Amino acid sequence: MLEAQKQRIHQISRLKAKGMSDQEARQLVQQGLPPFRPAFVDGKRVTERIVLDPAKT
């Protein structure tokens, strides 16, 4: 498990211990995270930005 994952789990645990619900704690911890970007698409490594909707470019 990566250190970043461990830190997130500990942060969520601390927030839950202070009385937050699981969902609230997860949302609060995930607010500062960048959006997920896959490393592979269709079995090929992504080297450039992925454009999901060509009309938005």
PDB file of N, CA and C in Angstrom:
ATOM      1  N   MET A   1       0.853  -1.177   0.000  1.00  0.00           N
ATOM      2  CA  MET A   1       0.000   0.000   0.000  1.00  0.00           C
ATOM      3  C   MET A   1       0.899   1.239   0.000  1.00  0.00           C
ATOM      4  N   LEU A   2       0.546   2.193  -0.793  1.00  0.00           N
ATOM      5  CA  LEU A   2       1.329   3.414  -0.882  1.00  0.00           C
ATOM      6  C   LEU A   2       1.167   4.266   0.371  1.00  0.00           C
ATOM      7  N   GLU A   3       2.177   5.063   0.650  1.00  0.00           N
ATOM      8  CA  GLU A   3       2.111   5.948   1.819  1.00  0.00           C
ATOM      9  C   GLU A   3       0.939   6.925   1.720  1.00  0.00           C
ATOM     10  N   ALA A   4       0.668   7.410   0.520  1.00  0.00           N
ATOM     11  CA  ALA A   4      -0.452   8.348   0.343  1.00  0.00           C
ATOM     12  C   ALA A   4      -1.776   7.683   0.700  1.00  0.00           C
ATOM     13  N   GLN A   5      -1.926   6.413   0.335  1.00  0.00           N
ATOM     14  CA  GLN A   5      -3.147   5.681   0.674  1.00  0.00           C
ATOM     15  C   GLN A   5      -3.261   5.502   2.184  1.00  0.00           C
ATOM     16  N   LYS A   6      -2.149   5.180   2.826  1.00  0.00           N
ATOM     17  CA  LYS A   6      -2.147   5.013   4.285  1.00  0.00           C
ATOM     18  C   LYS A   6      -2.530   6.316   4.978  1.00  0.00           C
ATOM     19  N   GLN A   7      -1.987   7.426   4.495  1.00  0.00           N
ATOM     20  CA  GLN A   7      -2.299   8.723   5.095  1.00  0.00           C
ATOM     21  C   GLN A   7      -3.776   9.053   4.954  1.00  0.00           C
ATOM     22  N   ARG A   8      -4.347   8.772   3.774  1.00  0.00           N
ATOM     23  CA  ARG A   8      -5.776   9.023   3.568  1.00  0.00           C
ATOM     24  C   ARG A   8      -6.626   8.186   4.510  1.00  0.00           C
ATOM     25  N   ILE A   9      -6.257   6.927   4.692  1.00  0.00           N
ATOM     26  CA  ILE A   9      -7.001   6.039   5.588  1.00  0.00           C
ATOM     27  C   ILE A   9      -6.937   6.560   7.014  1.00  0.00           C
ATOM     28  N   HIS A  10      -5.766   7.010   7.447  1.00  0.00           N
ATOM     29  CA  HIS A  10      -5.625   7.546   8.806  1.00  0.00           C
ATOM     30  C   HIS A  10      -6.423   8.842   8.971  1.00  0.00           C
ATOM     31  N   GLN A  11      -6.410   9.699   7.952  1.00  0.00           N
ATOM     32  CA  GLN A  11      -7.188  10.940   8.026  1.00  0.00           C
ATOM     33  C   GLN A  11      -8.679  10.632   8.138  1.00  0.00           C
ATOM     34  N   ILE A  12      -9.150   9.685   7.349  1.00  0.00           N
ATOM     35  CA  ILE A  12     -10.563   9.304   7.398  1.00  0.00           C
ATOM     36  C   ILE A  12     -10.903   8.735   8.766  1.00  0.00           C
ATOM     37  N   SER A  13     -10.020   7.910   9.317  1.00  0.00           N
ATOM     38  CA  SER A  13     -10.256   7.322  10.641  1.00  0.00           C
ATOM     39  C   SER A  13     -10.346   8.399  11.711  1.00  0.00           C
ATOM     40  N   ARG A  14      -9.454   9.395  11.651  1.00  0.00           N
ATOM     41  CA  ARG A  14      -9.481  10.481  12.643  1.00  0.00           C
ATOM     42  C   ARG A  14     -10.772  11.291  12.538  1.00  0.00           C
ATOM     43  N   LEU A  15     -11.194  11.583  11.308  1.00  0.00           N
ATOM     44  CA  LEU A  15     -12.424  12.352  11.120  1.00  0.00           C
ATOM     45  C   LEU A  15     -13.644  11.569  11.602  1.00  0.00           C
ATOM     46  N   LYS A  16     -13.655  10.263  11.354  1.00  0.00           N
ATOM     47  CA  LYS A  16     -14.766   9.435  11.828  1.00  0.00           C
ATOM     48  C   LYS A  16     -14.785   9.375  13.346  1.00  0.00           C
ATOM     49  N   ALA A  17     -13.607   9.367  13.970  1.00  0.00           N
ATOM     50  CA  ALA A  17     -13.526   9.349  15.432  1.00  0.00           C
ATOM     51  C   ALA A  17     -14.051  10.655  16.027  1.00  0.00           C
ATOM     52  N   LYS A  18     -13.973  11.740  15.252  1.00  0.00           N
ATOM     53  CA  LYS A  18     -14.477  13.037  15.719  1.00  0.00           C
ATOM     54  C   LYS A  18     -15.974  13.188  15.482  1.00  0.00           C
ATOM     55  N   GLY A  19     -16.612  12.172  14.888  1.00  0.00           N
ATOM     56  CA  GLY A  19     -18.058  12.198  14.746  1.00  0.00           C
ATOM     57  C   GLY A  19     -18.592  12.339  13.337  1.00  0.00           C
ATOM     58  N   MET A  20     -17.733  12.420  12.344  1.00  0.00           N
ATOM     59  CA  MET A  20     -18.200  12.527  10.958  1.00  0.00           C
ATOM     60  C   MET A  20     -18.642  11.160  10.458  1.00  0.00           C
ATOM     61  N   SER A  21     -19.556  11.173   9.501  1.00  0.00           N
ATOM     62  CA  SER A  21     -19.945   9.913   8.871  1.00  0.00           C
ATOM     63  C   SER A  21     -18.829   9.490   7.910  1.00  0.00           C
ATOM     64  N   ASP A  22     -18.865   8.235   7.505  1.00  0.00           N
ATOM     65  CA  ASP A  22     -17.848   7.717   6.595  1.00  0.00           C
ATOM     66  C   ASP A  22     -17.856   8.497   5.282  1.00  0.00           C
ATOM     67  N   GLN A  23     -19.045   8.754   4.753  1.00  0.00           N
ATOM     68  CA  GLN A  23     -19.158   9.471   3.483  1.00  0.00           C
ATOM     69  C   GLN A  23     -18.630  10.905   3.597  1.00  0.00           C
ATOM     70  N   GLU A  24     -18.969  11.603   4.675  1.00  0.00           N
ATOM     71  CA  GLU A  24     -18.489  12.979   4.865  1.00  0.00           C
ATOM     72  C   GLU A  24     -16.970  13.014   4.975  1.00  0.00           C
ATOM     73  N   ALA A  25     -16.406  12.077   5.720  1.00  0.00           N
ATOM     74  CA  ALA A  25     -14.954  12.033   5.904  1.00  0.00           C
ATOM     75  C   ALA A  25     -14.254  11.776   4.578  1.00  0.00           C
ATOM     76  N   ARG A  26     -14.764  10.830   3.799  1.00  0.00           N
ATOM     77  CA  ARG A  26     -14.149  10.520   2.501  1.00  0.00           C
ATOM     78  C   ARG A  26     -14.226  11.716   1.551  1.00  0.00           C
ATOM     79  N   GLN A  27     -15.360  12.401   1.528  1.00  0.00           N
ATOM     80  CA  GLN A  27     -15.504  13.571   0.659  1.00  0.00           C
ATOM     81  C   GLN A  27     -14.530  14.671   1.057  1.00  0.00           C
ATOM     82  N   LEU A  28     -14.385  14.897   2.347  1.00  0.00           N
ATOM     83  CA  LEU A  28     -13.491  15.942   2.827  1.00  0.00           C
ATOM     84  C   LEU A  28     -12.042  15.632   2.467  1.00  0.00           C
ATOM     85  N   VAL A  29     -11.634  14.384   2.637  1.00  0.00           N
ATOM     86  CA  VAL A  29     -10.252  13.987   2.342  1.00  0.00           C
ATOM     87  C   VAL A  29      -9.993  14.028   0.835  1.00  0.00           C
ATOM     88  N   GLN A  30     -10.986  13.670   0.020  1.00  0.00           N
ATOM     89  CA  GLN A  30     -10.792  13.611  -1.430  1.00  0.00           C
ATOM     90  C   GLN A  30     -10.893  14.965  -2.118  1.00  0.00           C
ATOM     91  N   GLN A  31     -11.333  15.999  -1.425  1.00  0.00           N
ATOM     92  CA  GLN A  31     -11.484  17.318  -2.048  1.00  0.00           C
ATOM     93  C   GLN A  31     -10.179  17.843  -2.630  1.00  0.00           C
ATOM     94  N   GLY A  32      -9.081  17.638  -1.944  1.00  0.00           N
ATOM     95  CA  GLY A  32      -7.814  18.194  -2.393  1.00  0.00           C
ATOM     96  C   GLY A  32      -7.065  17.324  -3.381  1.00  0.00           C
ATOM     97  N   LEU A  33      -7.608  16.165  -3.735  1.00  0.00           N
ATOM     98  CA  LEU A  33      -6.909  15.250  -4.627  1.00  0.00           C
ATOM     99  C   LEU A  33      -7.159  15.601  -6.088  1.00  0.00           C
ATOM    100  N   PRO A  34      -6.154  15.395  -6.935  1.00  0.00           N
ATOM    101  CA  PRO A  34      -6.374  15.623  -8.367  1.00  0.00           C
ATOM    102  C   PRO A  34      -7.288  14.529  -8.926  1.00  0.00           C
ATOM    103  N   PRO A  35      -7.978  14.779 -10.037  1.00  0.00           N
ATOM    104  CA  PRO A  35      -8.848  13.754 -10.620  1.00  0.00           C
ATOM    105  C   PRO A  35      -8.032  12.555 -11.099  1.00  0.00           C
ATOM    106  N   PHE A  36      -8.644  11.394 -11.073  1.00  0.00           N
ATOM    107  CA  PHE A  36      -7.972  10.167 -11.497  1.00  0.00           C
ATOM    108  C   PHE A  36      -7.701  10.202 -12.994  1.00  0.00           C
ATOM    109  N   ARG A  37      -6.484   9.827 -13.361  1.00  0.00           N
ATOM    110  CA  ARG A  37      -6.110   9.713 -14.766  1.00  0.00           C
ATOM    111  C   ARG A  37      -5.499   8.340 -14.966  1.00  0.00           C
ATOM    112  N   PRO A  38      -6.090   7.507 -15.823  1.00  0.00           N
ATOM    113  CA  PRO A  38      -5.562   6.162 -16.033  1.00  0.00           C
ATOM    114  C   PRO A  38      -4.207   6.199 -16.730  1.00  0.00           C
ATOM    115  N   ALA A  39      -3.356   5.247 -16.392  1.00  0.00           N
ATOM    116  CA  ALA A  39      -2.038   5.157 -17.013  1.00  0.00           C
ATOM    117  C   ALA A  39      -2.104   4.390 -18.329  1.00  0.00           C
ATOM    118  N   PHE A  40      -3.099   3.498 -18.463  1.00  0.00           N
ATOM    119  CA  PHE A  40      -3.245   2.696 -19.670  1.00  0.00           C
ATOM    120  C   PHE A  40      -4.674   2.798 -20.188  1.00  0.00           C
ATOM    121  N   VAL A  41      -4.824   2.919 -21.500  1.00  0.00           N
ATOM    122  CA  VAL A  41      -6.133   2.907 -22.144  1.00  0.00           C
ATOM    123  C   VAL A  41      -6.041   1.941 -23.315  1.00  0.00           C
ATOM    124  N   ASP A  42      -6.954   0.974 -23.364  1.00  0.00           N
ATOM    125  CA  ASP A  42      -6.956  -0.054 -24.413  1.00  0.00           C
ATOM    126  C   ASP A  42      -5.612  -0.775 -24.499  1.00  0.00           C
ATOM    127  N   GLY A  43      -4.987  -1.013 -23.377  1.00  0.00           N
ATOM    128  CA  GLY A  43      -3.732  -1.746 -23.335  1.00  0.00           C
ATOM    129  C   GLY A  43      -2.513  -0.944 -23.747  1.00  0.00           C
ATOM    130  N   LYS A  44      -2.673   0.337 -23.993  1.00  0.00           N
ATOM    131  CA  LYS A  44      -1.542   1.184 -24.398  1.00  0.00           C
ATOM    132  C   LYS A  44      -1.300   2.247 -23.342  1.00  0.00           C
ATOM    133  N   ARG A  45      -0.041   2.513 -23.067  1.00  0.00           N
ATOM    134  CA  ARG A  45       0.321   3.518 -22.078  1.00  0.00           C
ATOM    135  C   ARG A  45      -0.078   4.908 -22.573  1.00  0.00           C
ATOM    136  N   VAL A  46      -0.664   5.678 -21.695  1.00  0.00           N
ATOM    137  CA  VAL A  46      -1.090   7.031 -22.041  1.00  0.00           C
ATOM    138  C   VAL A  46       0.105   7.963 -21.882  1.00  0.00           C
ATOM    139  N   THR A  47       0.465   8.638 -22.968  1.00  0.00           N
ATOM    140  CA  THR A  47       1.588   9.571 -22.904  1.00  0.00           C
ATOM    141  C   THR A  47       1.122  11.008 -23.053  1.00  0.00           C
ATOM    142  N   GLU A  48      -0.094  11.181 -23.526  1.00  0.00           N
ATOM    143  CA  GLU A  48      -0.648  12.517 -23.694  1.00  0.00           C
ATOM    144  C   GLU A  48      -1.959  12.619 -22.941  1.00  0.00           C
ATOM    145  N   ARG A  49      -2.475  13.820 -22.883  1.00  0.00           N
ATOM    146  CA  ARG A  49      -3.747  14.067 -22.220  1.00  0.00           C
ATOM    147  C   ARG A  49      -4.856  13.326 -22.961  1.00  0.00           C
ATOM    148  N   ILE A  50      -5.747  12.699 -22.200  1.00  0.00           N
ATOM    149  CA  ILE A  50      -6.866  11.974 -22.790  1.00  0.00           C
ATOM    150  C   ILE A  50      -8.020  12.947 -23.009  1.00  0.00           C
ATOM    151  N   VAL A  51      -8.562  12.947 -24.209  1.00  0.00           N
ATOM    152  CA  VAL A  51      -9.727  13.771 -24.510  1.00  0.00           C
ATOM    153  C   VAL A  51     -10.909  12.821 -24.639  1.00  0.00           C
ATOM    154  N   LEU A  52     -11.800  12.850 -23.644  1.00  0.00           N
ATOM    155  CA  LEU A  52     -12.943  11.950 -23.662  1.00  0.00           C
ATOM    156  C   LEU A  52     -14.033  12.438 -24.603  1.00  0.00           C
ATOM    157  N   ASP A  53     -14.180  13.736 -24.743  1.00  0.00           N
ATOM    158  CA  ASP A  53     -15.196  14.302 -25.617  1.00  0.00           C
ATOM    159  C   ASP A  53     -14.509  15.254 -26.591  1.00  0.00           C
ATOM    160  N   PRO A  54     -14.291  14.834 -27.836  1.00  0.00           N
ATOM    161  CA  PRO A  54     -13.579  15.685 -28.792  1.00  0.00           C
ATOM    162  C   PRO A  54     -14.250  17.036 -29.027  1.00  0.00           C
ATOM    163  N   ALA A  55     -15.544  17.150 -28.784  1.00  0.00           N
ATOM    164  CA  ALA A  55     -16.245  18.411 -29.001  1.00  0.00           C
ATOM    165  C   ALA A  55     -15.808  19.483 -28.009  1.00  0.00           C
ATOM    166  N   LYS A  56     -15.229  19.082 -26.877  1.00  0.00           N
ATOM    167  CA  LYS A  56     -14.819  20.034 -25.839  1.00  0.00           C
ATOM    168  C   LYS A  56     -13.416  20.589 -26.051  1.00  0.00           C
ATOM    169  N   THR A  57     -12.720  20.177 -27.095  1.00  0.00           N
ATOM    170  CA  THR A  57     -11.350  20.647 -27.308  1.00  0.00           C
ATOM    171  C   THR A  57     -11.273  21.905 -28.073  1.00  0.00           C
TER     172      THR A  57
END
